[in-house]
Amino acid sequence: MYNKKMKILLNRLSFYFRYDIAEMGPLLYIKPVRNDIVSPEHWCFLENLFYNMGYQIIKKYNKHT
């Protein structure tokens, strides 16, 4: 079942996997679909969700110039 936060995040973010040579395995990339701002509360919700599912969480940011 989806709650309100999950519906908002699924509409604002795209999720896809890529193989990372440096990490020697697949990484889950989470990117905003548009230039929507995702609040820190929503990022914390996502982080807790994946952590509770048993995934290791490492945040990496790419700067777009």
C-alpha atoms as a PDB file:
ATOM      1  CA  MET A   1       0.000   0.000   0.000  1.00  0.00           C
ATOM      2  CA  TYR A   2       1.143   3.504  -0.731  1.00  0.00           C
ATOM      3  CA  ASN A   3       0.931   6.372   1.663  1.00  0.00           C
ATOM      4  CA  LYS A   4       0.886  10.035   0.679  1.00  0.00           C
ATOM      5  CA  LYS A   5       4.678  10.510   0.987  1.00  0.00           C
ATOM      6  CA  MET A   6       5.388   7.494  -1.205  1.00  0.00           C
ATOM      7  CA  LYS A   7       3.012   8.710  -3.936  1.00  0.00           C
ATOM      8  CA  ILE A   8       4.684  12.141  -3.939  1.00  0.00           C
ATOM      9  CA  LEU A   9       8.149  10.593  -4.208  1.00  0.00           C
ATOM     10  CA  LEU A  10       7.167   8.197  -6.991  1.00  0.00           C
ATOM     11  CA  ASN A  11       5.817  11.109  -9.018  1.00  0.00           C
ATOM     12  CA  ARG A  12       8.847  13.372  -8.422  1.00  0.00           C
ATOM     13  CA  LEU A  13      11.767  10.940  -8.645  1.00  0.00           C
ATOM     14  CA  SER A  14      13.108   8.379 -11.081  1.00  0.00           C
ATOM     15  CA  PHE A  15      14.836   5.251  -9.836  1.00  0.00           C
ATOM     16  CA  TYR A  16      17.280   3.197 -11.912  1.00  0.00           C
ATOM     17  CA  PHE A  17      20.261   0.917 -11.443  1.00  0.00           C
ATOM     18  CA  ARG A  18      23.714   1.334 -12.959  1.00  0.00           C
ATOM     19  CA  TYR A  19      26.809  -0.767 -12.603  1.00  0.00           C
ATOM     20  CA  ASP A  20      29.579   1.218 -10.952  1.00  0.00           C
ATOM     21  CA  ILE A  21      33.137   0.060 -11.606  1.00  0.00           C
ATOM     22  CA  ALA A  22      34.538   1.881  -8.557  1.00  0.00           C
ATOM     23  CA  GLU A  23      31.994   0.316  -6.185  1.00  0.00           C
ATOM     24  CA  MET A  24      32.225  -3.069  -7.972  1.00  0.00           C
ATOM     25  CA  GLY A  25      28.485  -3.531  -8.150  1.00  0.00           C
ATOM     26  CA  PRO A  26      25.144  -2.013  -8.979  1.00  0.00           C
ATOM     27  CA  LEU A  27      24.089   1.324  -7.523  1.00  0.00           C
ATOM     28  CA  LEU A  28      20.586   2.704  -7.275  1.00  0.00           C
ATOM     29  CA  TYR A  29      20.427   6.188  -8.754  1.00  0.00           C
ATOM     30  CA  ILE A  30      17.627   8.469  -7.592  1.00  0.00           C
ATOM     31  CA  LYS A  31      17.099  11.591  -9.643  1.00  0.00           C
ATOM     32  CA  PRO A  32      14.354  14.217  -9.717  1.00  0.00           C
ATOM     33  CA  VAL A  33      12.197  13.889 -12.830  1.00  0.00           C
ATOM     34  CA  ARG A  34      11.972  17.627 -13.274  1.00  0.00           C
ATOM     35  CA  ASN A  35      13.597  20.485 -11.422  1.00  0.00           C
ATOM     36  CA  ASP A  36      11.288  19.821  -8.489  1.00  0.00           C
ATOM     37  CA  ILE A  37      12.762  20.402  -5.074  1.00  0.00           C
ATOM     38  CA  VAL A  38      12.566  17.352  -2.860  1.00  0.00           C
ATOM     39  CA  SER A  39      12.350  18.362   0.770  1.00  0.00           C
ATOM     40  CA  PRO A  40      14.823  17.033   3.355  1.00  0.00           C
ATOM     41  CA  GLU A  41      11.855  15.316   5.023  1.00  0.00           C
ATOM     42  CA  HIS A  42      11.194  13.281   1.863  1.00  0.00           C
ATOM     43  CA  TRP A  43      14.895  12.385   1.477  1.00  0.00           C
ATOM     44  CA  CYS A  44      14.978  11.255   5.115  1.00  0.00           C
ATOM     45  CA  PHE A  45      11.869   9.129   4.498  1.00  0.00           C
ATOM     46  CA  LEU A  46      13.551   7.444   1.503  1.00  0.00           C
ATOM     47  CA  GLU A  47      16.773   6.908   3.415  1.00  0.00           C
ATOM     48  CA  ASN A  48      14.932   5.282   6.319  1.00  0.00           C
ATOM     49  CA  LEU A  49      12.879   3.133   3.952  1.00  0.00           C
ATOM     50  CA  PHE A  50      15.933   1.657   2.218  1.00  0.00           C
ATOM     51  CA  TYR A  51      17.847   1.309   5.497  1.00  0.00           C
ATOM     52  CA  ASN A  52      14.965  -0.642   7.046  1.00  0.00           C
ATOM     53  CA  MET A  53      14.955  -2.921   4.000  1.00  0.00           C
ATOM     54  CA  GLY A  54      18.600  -3.785   4.756  1.00  0.00           C
ATOM     55  CA  TYR A  55      20.413  -1.711   2.151  1.00  0.00           C
ATOM     56  CA  GLN A  56      23.624   0.172   2.768  1.00  0.00           C
ATOM     57  CA  ILE A  57      23.148   3.863   2.020  1.00  0.00           C
ATOM     58  CA  ILE A  58      25.913   6.040   0.631  1.00  0.00           C
ATOM     59  CA  LYS A  59      24.952   9.451  -0.688  1.00  0.00           C
ATOM     60  CA  LYS A  60      26.794  10.746  -3.713  1.00  0.00           C
ATOM     61  CA  TYR A  61      25.981  14.003  -5.407  1.00  0.00           C
ATOM     62  CA  ASN A  62      26.694  15.087  -8.947  1.00  0.00           C
ATOM     63  CA  LYS A  63      26.955  18.795  -9.620  1.00  0.00           C
ATOM     64  CA  HIS A  64      25.430  19.904 -12.885  1.00  0.00           C
ATOM     65  CA  THR A  65      27.046  23.046 -14.192  1.00  0.00           C
END
